[in-house]
Amino acid sequence: MAERGAVKRPLWIFGYGSLVWRPDIPHDERRPAWIRGFARRFWQGSTDHRGVPEAPGRVVTLVRAEAARCWGAAYRVAADERDAVLDRLDHREQGGYERLDVSIHFEAGAPQTDGLVYVATERNRNYLGPAPLDTIARQVRKARGPSGANLEYVLRLADSLREMDASDPHVFALEALLRQEGIE
């Protein structure tokens, strides 16, 4: 509970998965951004959006990688929308994600800011962990959930990263493998 008289500040949320291309949260500003020390990996199972419990899809999470830089999108949420947005994201990311405080970096010369990111760790029931890329591709190709095909998730994320001139070898290698196998 906020202290009486406490001033609520805007909140920055860093998105690195579907939040990059489908934020569906009210925000006042969206900027390409990156965080240090994390790499994006398709190691999280999705049983509520891009798959179902009997056939989970694979979505991204972040893993610690000291020298890595993970590009995504940062959203500035107005102070009066803060609680509602966090409630919405907590529900959206209920499949095993936790909030972490991070420093969000923008284009060269722009000051960094404090923000939040949702990360799924190996401690959650939907965590699938590492697998060979061809195994991940087979799972992605088959999976479909209430939010649509898992394949769409991978392709839209790859396209969005390219639009912001961001590189991600893991995402692009998975996308290339899926395209090589043919899009259904």
C-alpha atoms as a PDB file:
ATOM      1  CA  MET A   1       0.000   0.000   0.000  1.00  0.00           C
ATOM      2  CA  ALA A   2       1.372   3.414  -0.941  1.00  0.00           C
ATOM      3  CA  GLU A   3       2.124   5.830   1.837  1.00  0.00           C
ATOM      4  CA  ARG A   4      -0.278   8.722   2.181  1.00  0.00           C
ATOM      5  CA  GLY A   5       1.035  11.639   0.211  1.00  0.00           C
ATOM      6  CA  ALA A   6       3.594   9.510  -1.647  1.00  0.00           C
ATOM      7  CA  VAL A   7       4.055  10.576  -5.241  1.00  0.00           C
ATOM      8  CA  LYS A   8       3.633   7.803  -7.784  1.00  0.00           C
ATOM      9  CA  ARG A   9       6.212   7.872 -10.545  1.00  0.00           C
ATOM     10  CA  PRO A  10       5.851   6.618 -14.085  1.00  0.00           C
ATOM     11  CA  LEU A  11       6.939   3.018 -14.572  1.00  0.00           C
ATOM     12  CA  TRP A  12       9.196   1.669 -17.318  1.00  0.00           C
ATOM     13  CA  ILE A  13       8.559  -1.910 -18.469  1.00  0.00           C
ATOM     14  CA  PHE A  14      11.106  -3.712 -20.645  1.00  0.00           C
ATOM     15  CA  GLY A  15       9.622  -6.181 -23.127  1.00  0.00           C
ATOM     16  CA  TYR A  16      11.717  -8.716 -25.009  1.00  0.00           C
ATOM     17  CA  GLY A  17       9.116 -11.232 -26.267  1.00  0.00           C
ATOM     18  CA  SER A  18       5.551 -10.616 -27.354  1.00  0.00           C
ATOM     19  CA  LEU A  19       5.618  -7.251 -25.569  1.00  0.00           C
ATOM     20  CA  VAL A  20       7.926  -6.099 -28.368  1.00  0.00           C
ATOM     21  CA  TRP A  21       5.198  -6.502 -30.998  1.00  0.00           C
ATOM     22  CA  ARG A  22       1.975  -6.822 -28.973  1.00  0.00           C
ATOM     23  CA  PRO A  23       2.170  -4.687 -25.860  1.00  0.00           C
ATOM     24  CA  ASP A  24      -1.590  -4.498 -25.155  1.00  0.00           C
ATOM     25  CA  ILE A  25      -0.914  -2.265 -22.146  1.00  0.00           C
ATOM     26  CA  PRO A  26      -1.613   1.445 -21.937  1.00  0.00           C
ATOM     27  CA  HIS A  27       1.617   3.392 -22.275  1.00  0.00           C
ATOM     28  CA  ASP A  28       2.680   6.969 -22.922  1.00  0.00           C
ATOM     29  CA  GLU A  29       5.896   6.156 -24.723  1.00  0.00           C
ATOM     30  CA  ARG A  30       7.562   3.233 -26.495  1.00  0.00           C
ATOM     31  CA  ARG A  31      11.284   3.208 -27.245  1.00  0.00           C
ATOM     32  CA  PRO A  32      13.777   0.658 -28.559  1.00  0.00           C
ATOM     33  CA  ALA A  33      15.941  -0.286 -25.603  1.00  0.00           C
ATOM     34  CA  TRP A  34      18.294  -2.885 -24.216  1.00  0.00           C
ATOM     35  CA  ILE A  35      19.322  -4.425 -20.937  1.00  0.00           C
ATOM     36  CA  ARG A  36      22.771  -5.705 -20.018  1.00  0.00           C
ATOM     37  CA  GLY A  37      23.694  -9.136 -18.688  1.00  0.00           C
ATOM     38  CA  PHE A  38      20.871 -11.180 -20.207  1.00  0.00           C
ATOM     39  CA  ALA A  39      20.379 -13.311 -23.324  1.00  0.00           C
ATOM     40  CA  ARG A  40      16.967 -14.207 -24.781  1.00  0.00           C
ATOM     41  CA  ARG A  41      16.223 -17.945 -25.090  1.00  0.00           C
ATOM     42  CA  PHE A  42      13.213 -20.047 -26.121  1.00  0.00           C
ATOM     43  CA  TRP A  43      13.382 -22.026 -22.890  1.00  0.00           C
ATOM     44  CA  GLN A  44       9.991 -21.240 -21.318  1.00  0.00           C
ATOM     45  CA  GLY A  45       6.928 -23.396 -21.908  1.00  0.00           C
ATOM     46  CA  SER A  46       3.669 -21.683 -22.759  1.00  0.00           C
ATOM     47  CA  THR A  47       0.568 -23.589 -21.706  1.00  0.00           C
ATOM     48  CA  ASP A  48      -1.743 -20.570 -21.622  1.00  0.00           C
ATOM     49  CA  HIS A  49      -0.903 -18.470 -24.700  1.00  0.00           C
ATOM     50  CA  ARG A  50       1.124 -20.254 -27.428  1.00  0.00           C
ATOM     51  CA  GLY A  51       0.396 -23.801 -26.374  1.00  0.00           C
ATOM     52  CA  VAL A  52      -1.796 -25.861 -24.063  1.00  0.00           C
ATOM     53  CA  PRO A  53      -0.918 -28.050 -21.062  1.00  0.00           C
ATOM     54  CA  GLU A  54      -0.848 -31.223 -23.205  1.00  0.00           C
ATOM     55  CA  ALA A  55       1.317 -29.559 -25.874  1.00  0.00           C
ATOM     56  CA  PRO A  56       3.186 -26.518 -24.573  1.00  0.00           C
ATOM     57  CA  GLY A  57       4.625 -23.966 -26.923  1.00  0.00           C
ATOM     58  CA  ARG A  58       8.025 -22.334 -26.427  1.00  0.00           C
ATOM     59  CA  VAL A  59       8.357 -18.650 -25.672  1.00  0.00           C
ATOM     60  CA  VAL A  60      11.303 -16.556 -24.609  1.00  0.00           C
ATOM     61  CA  THR A  61      12.774 -15.904 -21.239  1.00  0.00           C
ATOM     62  CA  LEU A  62      16.043 -14.315 -20.224  1.00  0.00           C
ATOM     63  CA  VAL A  63      19.110 -16.113 -18.932  1.00  0.00           C
ATOM     64  CA  ARG A  64      22.069 -14.485 -17.253  1.00  0.00           C
ATOM     65  CA  ALA A  65      24.939 -13.856 -19.652  1.00  0.00           C
ATOM     66  CA  GLU A  66      27.449 -11.366 -18.330  1.00  0.00           C
ATOM     67  CA  ALA A  67      28.592  -9.797 -21.598  1.00  0.00           C
ATOM     68  CA  ALA A  68      25.214  -9.992 -23.377  1.00  0.00           C
ATOM     69  CA  ARG A  69      22.932  -7.186 -24.436  1.00  0.00           C
ATOM     70  CA  CYS A  70      19.256  -8.018 -25.002  1.00  0.00           C
ATOM     71  CA  TRP A  71      17.320  -5.624 -27.238  1.00  0.00           C
ATOM     72  CA  GLY A  72      13.602  -5.078 -26.886  1.00  0.00           C
ATOM     73  CA  ALA A  73      11.088  -2.311 -26.304  1.00  0.00           C
ATOM     74  CA  ALA A  74      10.664  -0.138 -23.224  1.00  0.00           C
ATOM     75  CA  TYR A  75       7.250   1.250 -22.347  1.00  0.00           C
ATOM     76  CA  ARG A  76       6.683   4.239 -20.078  1.00  0.00           C
ATOM     77  CA  VAL A  77       3.470   3.766 -18.140  1.00  0.00           C
ATOM     78  CA  ALA A  78       1.801   6.778 -16.570  1.00  0.00           C
ATOM     79  CA  ALA A  79       1.851   6.902 -12.776  1.00  0.00           C
ATOM     80  CA  ASP A  80      -1.946   6.650 -12.557  1.00  0.00           C
ATOM     81  CA  GLU A  81      -1.920   3.506 -14.762  1.00  0.00           C
ATOM     82  CA  ARG A  82       0.925   1.818 -12.877  1.00  0.00           C
ATOM     83  CA  ASP A  83      -1.090  -0.511 -10.603  1.00  0.00           C
ATOM     84  CA  ALA A  84      -3.535  -1.542 -13.331  1.00  0.00           C
ATOM     85  CA  VAL A  85      -0.702  -2.291 -15.784  1.00  0.00           C
ATOM     86  CA  LEU A  86       1.188  -4.367 -13.233  1.00  0.00           C
ATOM     87  CA  ASP A  87      -1.986  -6.319 -12.435  1.00  0.00           C
ATOM     88  CA  ARG A  88      -2.530  -6.942 -16.148  1.00  0.00           C
ATOM     89  CA  LEU A  89       1.080  -8.019 -16.736  1.00  0.00           C
ATOM     90  CA  ASP A  90       1.084 -10.218 -13.630  1.00  0.00           C
ATOM     91  CA  HIS A  91      -1.947 -12.014 -15.097  1.00  0.00           C
ATOM     92  CA  ARG A  92      -0.487 -12.164 -18.618  1.00  0.00           C
ATOM     93  CA  GLU A  93       2.844 -13.525 -17.341  1.00  0.00           C
ATOM     94  CA  GLN A  94       1.345 -15.894 -14.762  1.00  0.00           C
ATOM     95  CA  GLY A  95       2.852 -18.960 -16.445  1.00  0.00           C
ATOM     96  CA  GLY A  96       6.051 -18.754 -14.410  1.00  0.00           C
ATOM     97  CA  TYR A  97       7.430 -15.248 -14.809  1.00  0.00           C
ATOM     98  CA  GLU A  98       8.818 -13.122 -11.972  1.00  0.00           C
ATOM     99  CA  ARG A  99       9.467  -9.381 -11.905  1.00  0.00           C
ATOM    100  CA  LEU A 100      13.058  -8.168 -11.806  1.00  0.00           C
ATOM    101  CA  ASP A 101      14.377  -4.647 -11.403  1.00  0.00           C
ATOM    102  CA  VAL A 102      16.694  -3.696 -14.269  1.00  0.00           C
ATOM    103  CA  SER A 103      18.502  -0.725 -15.750  1.00  0.00           C
ATOM    104  CA  ILE A 104      17.060   0.048 -19.172  1.00  0.00           C
ATOM    105  CA  HIS A 105      19.375   1.596 -21.756  1.00  0.00           C
ATOM    106  CA  PHE A 106      18.356   3.612 -24.789  1.00  0.00           C
ATOM    107  CA  GLU A 107      20.159   4.977 -27.854  1.00  0.00           C
ATOM    108  CA  ALA A 108      23.654   6.365 -27.404  1.00  0.00           C
ATOM    109  CA  GLY A 109      23.694   9.512 -25.309  1.00  0.00           C
ATOM    110  CA  ALA A 110      20.247   9.012 -23.767  1.00  0.00           C
ATOM    111  CA  PRO A 111      20.181   8.467 -20.018  1.00  0.00           C
ATOM    112  CA  GLN A 112      19.319   5.020 -18.731  1.00  0.00           C
ATOM    113  CA  THR A 113      16.347   4.478 -16.431  1.00  0.00           C
ATOM    114  CA  ASP A 114      15.217   1.986 -13.827  1.00  0.00           C
ATOM    115  CA  GLY A 115      12.477  -0.384 -14.847  1.00  0.00           C
ATOM    116  CA  LEU A 116      10.950  -3.834 -14.569  1.00  0.00           C
ATOM    117  CA  VAL A 117      11.234  -6.962 -16.673  1.00  0.00           C
ATOM    118  CA  TYR A 118       9.452 -10.301 -16.353  1.00  0.00           C
ATOM    119  CA  VAL A 119      11.763 -13.344 -16.400  1.00  0.00           C
ATOM    120  CA  ALA A 120      10.940 -17.039 -16.180  1.00  0.00           C
ATOM    121  CA  THR A 121      13.502 -19.088 -14.282  1.00  0.00           C
ATOM    122  CA  GLU A 122      14.097 -22.793 -13.897  1.00  0.00           C
ATOM    123  CA  ARG A 123      12.140 -22.606 -10.612  1.00  0.00           C
ATOM    124  CA  ASN A 124       8.749 -22.478 -12.371  1.00  0.00           C
ATOM    125  CA  ARG A 125       6.650 -25.459 -13.472  1.00  0.00           C
ATOM    126  CA  ASN A 126       6.573 -24.380 -17.138  1.00  0.00           C
ATOM    127  CA  TYR A 127      10.320 -23.977 -17.543  1.00  0.00           C
ATOM    128  CA  LEU A 128      11.563 -26.276 -20.326  1.00  0.00           C
ATOM    129  CA  GLY A 129      15.203 -25.289 -20.382  1.00  0.00           C
ATOM    130  CA  PRO A 130      17.758 -25.640 -23.146  1.00  0.00           C
ATOM    131  CA  ALA A 131      17.262 -27.992 -26.074  1.00  0.00           C
ATOM    132  CA  PRO A 132      18.785 -28.422 -29.523  1.00  0.00           C
ATOM    133  CA  LEU A 133      17.455 -25.818 -31.948  1.00  0.00           C
ATOM    134  CA  ASP A 134      15.831 -28.444 -34.184  1.00  0.00           C
ATOM    135  CA  THR A 135      13.929 -29.815 -31.164  1.00  0.00           C
ATOM    136  CA  ILE A 136      12.731 -26.311 -30.286  1.00  0.00           C
ATOM    137  CA  ALA A 137      11.699 -25.763 -33.934  1.00  0.00           C
ATOM    138  CA  ARG A 138       9.629 -28.981 -34.015  1.00  0.00           C
ATOM    139  CA  GLN A 139       7.851 -27.987 -30.813  1.00  0.00           C
ATOM    140  CA  VAL A 140       7.205 -24.442 -32.070  1.00  0.00           C
ATOM    141  CA  ARG A 141       5.842 -25.698 -35.391  1.00  0.00           C
ATOM    142  CA  LYS A 142       3.250 -27.935 -33.681  1.00  0.00           C
ATOM    143  CA  ALA A 143       2.168 -25.689 -30.804  1.00  0.00           C
ATOM    144  CA  ARG A 144      -0.955 -23.544 -30.808  1.00  0.00           C
ATOM    145  CA  GLY A 145      -2.773 -21.929 -27.906  1.00  0.00           C
ATOM    146  CA  PRO A 146      -5.442 -19.320 -27.128  1.00  0.00           C
ATOM    147  CA  SER A 147      -3.169 -16.497 -28.381  1.00  0.00           C
ATOM    148  CA  GLY A 148      -2.433 -18.284 -31.663  1.00  0.00           C
ATOM    149  CA  ALA A 149       0.275 -20.334 -33.289  1.00  0.00           C
ATOM    150  CA  ASN A 150       3.672 -20.543 -31.628  1.00  0.00           C
ATOM    151  CA  LEU A 151       5.204 -20.104 -35.097  1.00  0.00           C
ATOM    152  CA  GLU A 152       3.614 -16.645 -35.352  1.00  0.00           C
ATOM    153  CA  TYR A 153       5.269 -15.673 -32.049  1.00  0.00           C
ATOM    154  CA  VAL A 154       8.752 -16.543 -33.361  1.00  0.00           C
ATOM    155  CA  LEU A 155       8.275 -14.851 -36.744  1.00  0.00           C
ATOM    156  CA  ARG A 156       6.763 -11.658 -35.342  1.00  0.00           C
ATOM    157  CA  LEU A 157       9.515 -11.376 -32.738  1.00  0.00           C
ATOM    158  CA  ALA A 158      12.230 -11.827 -35.383  1.00  0.00           C
ATOM    159  CA  ASP A 159      10.585  -9.266 -37.684  1.00  0.00           C
ATOM    160  CA  SER A 160      10.229  -6.757 -34.837  1.00  0.00           C
ATOM    161  CA  LEU A 161      13.857  -7.118 -33.825  1.00  0.00           C
ATOM    162  CA  ARG A 162      14.951  -6.508 -37.419  1.00  0.00           C
ATOM    163  CA  GLU A 163      12.769  -3.389 -37.588  1.00  0.00           C
ATOM    164  CA  MET A 164      14.737  -1.924 -34.667  1.00  0.00           C
ATOM    165  CA  ASP A 165      18.080  -3.069 -36.148  1.00  0.00           C
ATOM    166  CA  ALA A 166      18.619  -5.394 -33.196  1.00  0.00           C
ATOM    167  CA  SER A 167      20.560  -8.613 -33.484  1.00  0.00           C
ATOM    168  CA  ASP A 168      19.695 -11.827 -31.670  1.00  0.00           C
ATOM    169  CA  PRO A 169      21.485 -14.941 -32.957  1.00  0.00           C
ATOM    170  CA  HIS A 170      19.221 -17.364 -31.033  1.00  0.00           C
ATOM    171  CA  VAL A 171      15.976 -15.874 -32.364  1.00  0.00           C
ATOM    172  CA  PHE A 172      17.284 -15.493 -35.906  1.00  0.00           C
ATOM    173  CA  ALA A 173      18.709 -19.036 -35.995  1.00  0.00           C
ATOM    174  CA  LEU A 174      15.360 -20.469 -34.891  1.00  0.00           C
ATOM    175  CA  GLU A 175      13.510 -18.324 -37.419  1.00  0.00           C
ATOM    176  CA  ALA A 176      15.873 -19.449 -40.223  1.00  0.00           C
ATOM    177  CA  LEU A 177      15.362 -23.095 -39.315  1.00  0.00           C
ATOM    178  CA  LEU A 178      11.580 -22.675 -39.323  1.00  0.00           C
ATOM    179  CA  ARG A 179      11.644 -20.868 -42.688  1.00  0.00           C
ATOM    180  CA  GLN A 180      14.016 -23.475 -44.129  1.00  0.00           C
ATOM    181  CA  GLU A 181      11.532 -26.183 -43.171  1.00  0.00           C
ATOM    182  CA  GLY A 182       8.772 -24.167 -44.854  1.00  0.00           C
ATOM    183  CA  ILE A 183       6.064 -22.077 -43.269  1.00  0.00           C
ATOM    184  CA  GLU A 184       2.730 -23.865 -43.005  1.00  0.00           C
END
